[in-house]
Amino acid sequence: MAKYLQTTSVGSFPKPPELMAARARFRRGEISREQLQQAEEAATKKVMDLQEELGIDIFVHGEMERGDMVAYFAENWQGFSESLPVRSYGNRYYHKPIVEGTVALGDAAGLTVASWQKAAQLTARPVKGMLTGPYTICDWSFNAYYPDRRSLVLDLAHLVHEEAVALEKAGARYIQIDEPALSTRPEELDLAIEAMAIVTEGLTAKTISHICYGDFDTILPGLFELPVDQLDLEAANQNYALLDLLARHPWPQNKELALGVVDVHTHRIESVDEVKAGIRRALEIVPLNNLLIDPDCGLKTRTWDEATEKLRVMAQAVQAVREEEGLE
């Protein structure tokens, strides 16, 4: 694994056509759940093989068993029911969870462990454990039970903590807790920080939080107080305007930055030179030892070929910078 400018991905990958077909057949009752799981595992291996081919340093398993990042947990935990489809963006919809009782793990303790273990067995590289944060689960759900948002967020934080502990016990050295909703209500940043402190309490694995497409100007420098080891932030989508915001504040020495350098919401494939320029701009703000490189967000909105080429360009740009700086 490289020592400098390590590469990774944010989490989700596009589901290969053969898995999409299997999911459709499962919904029609044409195949069993076991057969669907076999298709998910085959797709996961495809994700792992691609990262191996490209020389990625820290792997993700691609989330082939998940539909939506919030609904996946709500479908398996107690206290939730399902709404009719709600538009997330564009023509994409998900079943927004409804909180109708006290949230609990129920029989789903260690929900993410099996998929992480199967992926980790496919590579010698580290594989991130992937969780959705309590603040985002609350924000992307209808609350029909708890008296206020804080009560729900903190109860959810204890569940996510238990899931993180299970991943760590299984051997995960990196645990990512996604909080894309964190910047939507700047007045609740303290609540999100309080909840994350519950999630990460006592963990020895490296902890990461991905926050994407937000109004970072409203939550900096307070965002630096989020109790994780690494902040994973998008930059390419806004032509690296994020770096101008970050430059206004000293980068905290106890935090890593995973910088998004390819835009996952466009079909266009960036050039190696574009990505190299973004990395070099970041190195003016963030120390070399604190900087990692990845896409802006999860890749599931792209086609398989687009995701592959975006990752390939990212890996080539990072390798070029390493060589130019004598970092090998």
Protein backbone atom coordinates (compact mmCIF):
# COMPACT_ATOMS: atom_id res chain seq x y z
CA MET A 1 0.00 0.00 0.00
CA ALA A 2 1.33 3.44 -0.90
CA LYS A 3 2.68 5.60 1.90
CA TYR A 4 1.59 8.94 0.42
CA LEU A 5 -1.57 10.10 -1.37
CA GLN A 6 -3.39 6.86 -0.69
CA THR A 7 -6.35 6.21 -2.96
CA THR A 8 -9.79 4.96 -1.99
CA SER A 9 -13.47 5.23 -2.92
CA VAL A 10 -16.37 6.71 -1.00
CA GLY A 11 -18.53 3.58 -0.86
CA SER A 12 -21.10 2.62 -3.46
CA PHE A 13 -20.40 1.28 -6.95
CA PRO A 14 -22.83 0.93 -9.85
CA LYS A 15 -24.60 -2.40 -9.80
CA PRO A 16 -23.48 -4.47 -12.81
CA PRO A 17 -26.23 -5.32 -15.34
CA GLU A 18 -26.28 -8.97 -14.28
CA LEU A 19 -27.04 -7.99 -10.67
CA MET A 20 -29.76 -5.56 -11.77
CA ALA A 21 -31.35 -8.43 -13.71
CA ALA A 22 -31.13 -10.69 -10.66
CA ARG A 23 -32.76 -8.07 -8.45
CA ALA A 24 -35.62 -7.71 -10.95
CA ARG A 25 -36.08 -11.49 -11.06
CA PHE A 26 -36.10 -11.65 -7.26
CA ARG A 27 -38.83 -8.99 -7.07
CA ARG A 28 -40.90 -11.10 -9.48
CA GLY A 29 -40.38 -14.20 -7.35
CA GLU A 30 -38.38 -15.99 -10.04
CA ILE A 31 -35.27 -16.62 -7.94
CA SER A 32 -34.65 -17.24 -4.25
CA ARG A 33 -33.01 -14.88 -1.79
CA GLU A 34 -30.03 -17.22 -1.72
CA GLN A 35 -29.68 -16.89 -5.50
CA LEU A 36 -29.90 -13.09 -5.19
CA GLN A 37 -27.16 -13.15 -2.55
CA GLN A 38 -24.99 -15.20 -4.88
CA ALA A 39 -25.45 -12.53 -7.55
CA GLU A 40 -24.56 -9.81 -5.00
CA GLU A 41 -21.40 -11.68 -4.04
CA ALA A 42 -20.40 -12.08 -7.68
CA ALA A 43 -20.89 -8.32 -8.19
CA THR A 44 -18.86 -7.61 -5.05
CA LYS A 45 -16.00 -9.70 -6.43
CA LYS A 46 -16.17 -7.64 -9.62
CA VAL A 47 -15.80 -4.45 -7.54
CA MET A 48 -12.89 -5.90 -5.61
CA ASP A 49 -11.14 -7.13 -8.76
CA LEU A 50 -11.44 -3.69 -10.35
CA GLN A 51 -9.85 -1.97 -7.36
CA GLU A 52 -7.07 -4.57 -7.37
CA GLU A 53 -6.46 -3.97 -11.08
CA LEU A 54 -6.25 -0.19 -10.59
CA GLY A 55 -3.96 -0.43 -7.57
CA ILE A 56 -6.35 1.31 -5.15
CA ASP A 57 -4.91 1.42 -1.63
CA ILE A 58 -7.98 1.23 0.62
CA PHE A 59 -10.90 -0.75 -0.78
CA VAL A 60 -14.66 -0.51 -0.41
CA HIS A 61 -16.96 -3.48 -1.05
CA GLY A 62 -19.32 -1.50 -3.32
CA GLU A 63 -22.57 -1.97 -1.34
CA MET A 64 -24.07 -4.46 -3.80
CA GLU A 65 -26.50 -5.67 -1.13
CA ARG A 66 -27.89 -2.17 -0.51
CA GLY A 67 -30.39 -0.05 -2.37
CA ASP A 68 -30.49 3.26 -0.52
CA MET A 69 -27.95 4.11 2.16
CA VAL A 70 -30.63 4.99 4.75
CA ALA A 71 -33.41 2.61 3.74
CA TYR A 72 -31.03 -0.36 3.99
CA PHE A 73 -30.68 0.13 7.73
CA ALA A 74 -34.32 1.10 8.28
CA GLU A 75 -35.50 -2.05 6.48
CA ASN A 76 -33.52 -4.20 8.91
CA TRP A 77 -33.81 -2.35 12.21
CA GLN A 78 -36.86 -2.15 14.45
CA GLY A 79 -39.01 0.97 14.80
CA PHE A 80 -39.28 1.79 11.08
CA SER A 81 -41.89 1.36 8.40
CA GLU A 82 -41.69 2.31 4.72
CA SER A 83 -43.28 5.21 2.86
CA LEU A 84 -44.27 5.37 -0.78
CA PRO A 85 -41.36 6.28 -3.10
CA VAL A 86 -39.90 9.76 -2.53
CA ARG A 87 -37.71 11.58 -5.07
CA SER A 88 -34.14 12.02 -3.93
CA TYR A 89 -32.89 13.87 -7.05
CA GLY A 90 -33.44 13.75 -10.79
CA ASN A 91 -35.47 10.66 -11.60
CA ARG A 92 -34.14 8.65 -8.66
CA TYR A 93 -36.49 7.59 -5.91
CA TYR A 94 -36.24 5.73 -2.63
CA HIS A 95 -38.66 4.51 0.03
CA LYS A 96 -38.22 7.09 2.77
CA PRO A 97 -38.37 5.38 6.17
CA ILE A 98 -40.99 6.33 8.74
CA VAL A 99 -40.01 6.14 12.42
CA GLU A 100 -43.06 4.71 14.17
CA GLY A 101 -41.53 3.30 17.35
CA THR A 102 -38.38 3.07 19.43
CA VAL A 103 -35.48 2.29 17.10
CA ALA A 104 -33.55 -0.86 17.93
CA LEU A 105 -31.25 -3.39 16.28
CA GLY A 106 -33.56 -6.32 16.97
CA ASP A 107 -32.27 -9.43 15.21
CA ALA A 108 -30.09 -7.37 12.86
CA ALA A 109 -27.11 -6.75 15.15
CA GLY A 110 -23.94 -6.86 13.05
CA LEU A 111 -25.97 -6.20 9.90
CA THR A 112 -22.97 -5.10 7.81
CA VAL A 113 -20.41 -7.60 9.09
CA ALA A 114 -21.03 -10.56 6.76
CA SER A 115 -20.75 -8.51 3.55
CA TRP A 116 -17.60 -6.82 4.88
CA GLN A 117 -16.03 -10.17 5.82
CA LYS A 118 -16.74 -11.73 2.42
CA ALA A 119 -15.18 -8.75 0.67
CA ALA A 120 -12.17 -8.63 2.99
CA GLN A 121 -11.40 -12.27 2.17
CA LEU A 122 -10.93 -11.29 -1.50
CA THR A 123 -7.96 -8.97 -0.99
CA ALA A 124 -4.90 -8.32 1.13
CA ARG A 125 -5.70 -4.58 1.06
CA PRO A 126 -7.76 -3.02 3.85
CA VAL A 127 -11.51 -2.78 3.21
CA LYS A 128 -13.58 -0.02 4.80
CA GLY A 129 -16.63 -0.89 6.88
CA MET A 130 -19.48 1.29 5.61
CA LEU A 131 -22.20 2.81 7.81
CA THR A 132 -24.73 5.60 7.48
CA GLY A 133 -24.57 8.17 10.28
CA PRO A 134 -27.33 8.78 12.79
CA TYR A 135 -27.92 12.39 11.79
CA THR A 136 -28.50 11.47 8.15
CA ILE A 137 -30.77 8.52 9.02
CA CYS A 138 -32.90 10.92 11.06
CA ASP A 139 -32.88 13.68 8.48
CA TRP A 140 -33.83 11.36 5.62
CA SER A 141 -36.67 9.72 7.55
CA PHE A 142 -40.14 10.86 8.62
CA ASN A 143 -40.27 11.05 12.43
CA ALA A 144 -43.74 10.04 13.61
CA TYR A 145 -42.75 8.84 17.08
CA TYR A 146 -39.96 10.71 18.86
CA PRO A 147 -40.75 14.04 20.57
CA ASP A 148 -37.86 15.83 18.82
CA ARG A 149 -35.03 15.27 16.38
CA ARG A 150 -32.35 15.17 19.08
CA SER A 151 -33.95 12.20 20.84
CA LEU A 152 -34.11 10.24 17.60
CA VAL A 153 -30.58 11.15 16.49
CA LEU A 154 -29.04 10.07 19.79
CA ASP A 155 -30.95 6.78 19.90
CA LEU A 156 -29.77 6.10 16.35
CA ALA A 157 -26.20 6.98 17.36
CA HIS A 158 -26.17 4.11 19.85
CA LEU A 159 -27.31 1.68 17.14
CA VAL A 160 -24.65 2.87 14.68
CA HIS A 161 -22.06 2.60 17.46
CA GLU A 162 -22.98 -1.03 18.05
CA GLU A 163 -22.64 -1.71 14.33
CA ALA A 164 -19.22 0.00 14.29
CA VAL A 165 -18.08 -2.09 17.25
CA ALA A 166 -19.19 -5.26 15.46
CA LEU A 167 -17.20 -4.29 12.37
CA GLU A 168 -14.13 -3.54 14.44
CA LYS A 169 -14.40 -6.88 16.26
CA ALA A 170 -14.62 -8.58 12.86
CA GLY A 171 -11.30 -6.96 11.91
CA ALA A 172 -12.20 -3.73 10.10
CA ARG A 173 -9.32 -1.26 10.40
CA TYR A 174 -11.24 1.56 8.66
CA ILE A 175 -14.85 2.44 9.48
CA GLN A 176 -16.68 5.12 7.49
CA ILE A 177 -19.80 6.79 8.87
CA ASP A 178 -21.49 8.76 6.10
CA GLU A 179 -23.21 12.02 7.07
CA PRO A 180 -24.25 13.71 3.80
CA ALA A 181 -27.10 15.55 5.54
CA LEU A 182 -24.79 17.19 8.05
CA SER A 183 -24.59 20.58 6.33
CA THR A 184 -28.31 20.91 5.58
CA ARG A 185 -29.13 22.40 8.99
CA PRO A 186 -26.07 24.33 10.21
CA GLU A 187 -27.86 25.10 13.48
CA GLU A 188 -27.76 21.37 14.29
CA LEU A 189 -24.03 20.87 13.75
CA ASP A 190 -23.51 20.49 17.50
CA LEU A 191 -26.10 17.72 17.56
CA ALA A 192 -24.35 15.89 14.70
CA ILE A 193 -21.03 16.22 16.58
CA GLU A 194 -22.61 14.93 19.80
CA ALA A 195 -24.05 11.94 17.95
CA MET A 196 -20.78 11.12 16.19
CA ALA A 197 -19.01 11.13 19.55
CA ILE A 198 -21.35 8.33 20.62
CA VAL A 199 -20.73 6.41 17.39
CA THR A 200 -16.93 6.57 17.56
CA GLU A 201 -16.47 6.25 21.34
CA GLY A 202 -13.85 3.64 22.18
CA LEU A 203 -13.11 2.64 18.59
CA THR A 204 -9.49 1.96 17.66
CA ALA A 205 -10.14 1.61 13.92
CA LYS A 206 -9.54 4.70 11.78
CA THR A 207 -12.86 6.55 11.59
CA ILE A 208 -14.00 8.49 8.53
CA SER A 209 -17.02 10.64 7.75
CA HIS A 210 -18.11 11.49 4.23
CA ILE A 211 -20.04 14.76 3.81
CA CYS A 212 -20.94 15.65 0.23
CA TYR A 213 -22.40 18.53 -1.77
CA GLY A 214 -22.99 20.72 1.25
CA ASP A 215 -22.82 24.41 2.05
CA PHE A 216 -19.49 24.05 3.80
CA ASP A 217 -19.18 27.79 4.29
CA THR A 218 -21.89 27.52 6.97
CA ILE A 219 -20.25 24.72 8.95
CA LEU A 220 -16.55 25.61 8.82
CA PRO A 221 -14.49 25.60 10.95
CA GLY A 222 -16.99 23.84 13.27
CA LEU A 223 -16.87 20.78 11.02
CA PHE A 224 -13.31 20.16 12.21
CA GLU A 225 -14.76 19.27 15.63
CA LEU A 226 -16.49 16.18 14.23
CA PRO A 227 -14.89 13.34 16.26
CA VAL A 228 -13.49 11.25 13.39
CA ASP A 229 -9.96 10.77 12.12
CA GLN A 230 -10.70 11.65 8.51
CA LEU A 231 -13.11 13.98 6.71
CA ASP A 232 -14.08 12.86 3.20
CA LEU A 233 -15.25 15.87 1.16
CA GLU A 234 -16.20 16.53 -2.46
CA ALA A 235 -14.27 19.08 -4.47
CA ALA A 236 -14.39 18.32 -8.21
CA ASN A 237 -18.13 19.03 -8.56
CA GLN A 238 -17.61 22.71 -7.70
CA ASN A 239 -14.30 23.12 -9.54
CA TYR A 240 -12.39 22.82 -6.26
CA ALA A 241 -14.10 25.84 -4.67
CA LEU A 242 -14.02 23.81 -1.45
CA LEU A 243 -10.27 24.30 -1.32
CA ASP A 244 -10.73 28.08 -1.28
CA LEU A 245 -13.00 27.67 1.76
CA LEU A 246 -10.60 25.34 3.50
CA ALA A 247 -7.72 27.75 2.90
CA ARG A 248 -9.40 30.27 5.20
CA HIS A 249 -8.78 28.00 8.20
CA PRO A 250 -5.68 26.18 9.42
CA TRP A 251 -6.05 22.50 8.61
CA PRO A 252 -6.22 20.53 11.91
CA GLN A 253 -3.15 18.36 12.36
CA ASN A 254 -5.23 15.54 13.87
CA LYS A 255 -7.44 15.19 10.79
CA GLU A 256 -6.92 13.60 7.40
CA LEU A 257 -8.70 14.85 4.30
CA ALA A 258 -9.95 12.46 1.63
CA LEU A 259 -10.41 14.79 -1.33
CA GLY A 260 -12.95 14.12 -4.07
CA VAL A 261 -11.25 14.69 -7.42
CA VAL A 262 -13.71 13.21 -9.94
CA ASP A 263 -17.33 14.32 -10.25
CA VAL A 264 -19.75 11.41 -9.86
CA HIS A 265 -22.70 13.42 -11.16
CA THR A 266 -21.47 13.88 -14.72
CA HIS A 267 -20.88 11.48 -17.58
CA ARG A 268 -17.73 13.37 -18.56
CA ILE A 269 -14.46 11.63 -17.76
CA GLU A 270 -11.93 14.02 -16.30
CA SER A 271 -8.41 14.23 -17.70
CA VAL A 272 -5.37 13.14 -15.75
CA ASP A 273 -4.06 16.72 -15.86
CA GLU A 274 -7.29 18.07 -14.32
CA VAL A 275 -7.04 15.66 -11.42
CA LYS A 276 -3.33 16.34 -10.94
CA ALA A 277 -4.05 20.08 -10.76
CA GLY A 278 -6.68 19.49 -8.07
CA ILE A 279 -4.31 17.36 -6.02
CA ARG A 280 -1.58 19.99 -6.23
CA ARG A 281 -4.00 22.72 -5.12
CA ALA A 282 -4.93 20.58 -2.13
CA LEU A 283 -1.28 20.08 -1.19
CA GLU A 284 -0.99 23.85 -0.76
CA ILE A 285 -3.53 23.62 2.07
CA VAL A 286 -3.33 20.13 3.57
CA PRO A 287 -0.05 18.46 4.58
CA LEU A 288 1.03 15.55 2.39
CA ASN A 289 0.75 13.09 5.29
CA ASN A 290 -2.89 14.11 5.83
CA LEU A 291 -4.18 13.86 2.25
CA LEU A 292 -5.94 10.94 0.55
CA ILE A 293 -7.59 10.94 -2.89
CA ASP A 294 -10.99 9.55 -3.94
CA PRO A 295 -14.10 10.37 -6.03
CA ASP A 296 -16.49 13.09 -4.89
CA CYS A 297 -19.12 10.64 -3.68
CA GLY A 298 -20.39 7.12 -4.22
CA LEU A 299 -20.13 5.93 -7.81
CA LYS A 300 -23.52 4.20 -8.03
CA THR A 301 -25.01 6.97 -10.20
CA ARG A 302 -22.54 6.22 -13.02
CA THR A 303 -22.48 3.35 -15.46
CA TRP A 304 -19.95 0.60 -14.76
CA ASP A 305 -17.72 1.82 -17.60
CA GLU A 306 -17.89 5.45 -16.42
CA ALA A 307 -17.04 4.49 -12.85
CA THR A 308 -14.13 2.39 -14.07
CA GLU A 309 -12.68 5.18 -16.20
CA LYS A 310 -13.09 7.83 -13.49
CA LEU A 311 -11.23 5.62 -11.02
CA ARG A 312 -8.57 4.84 -13.63
CA VAL A 313 -7.94 8.55 -14.27
CA MET A 314 -7.80 9.18 -10.51
CA ALA A 315 -5.27 6.40 -9.98
CA GLN A 316 -3.13 7.54 -12.92
CA ALA A 317 -3.11 11.14 -11.71
CA VAL A 318 -2.10 10.12 -8.19
CA GLN A 319 0.68 7.90 -9.51
CA ALA A 320 1.96 10.74 -11.69
CA VAL A 321 2.08 13.16 -8.74
CA ARG A 322 3.85 10.57 -6.60
CA GLU A 323 6.50 10.07 -9.28
CA GLU A 324 6.93 13.80 -9.95
CA GLU A 325 7.41 14.43 -6.23
CA GLY A 326 9.69 11.44 -5.68
CA LEU A 327 7.24 9.84 -3.28
CA GLU A 328 7.70 6.24 -4.38
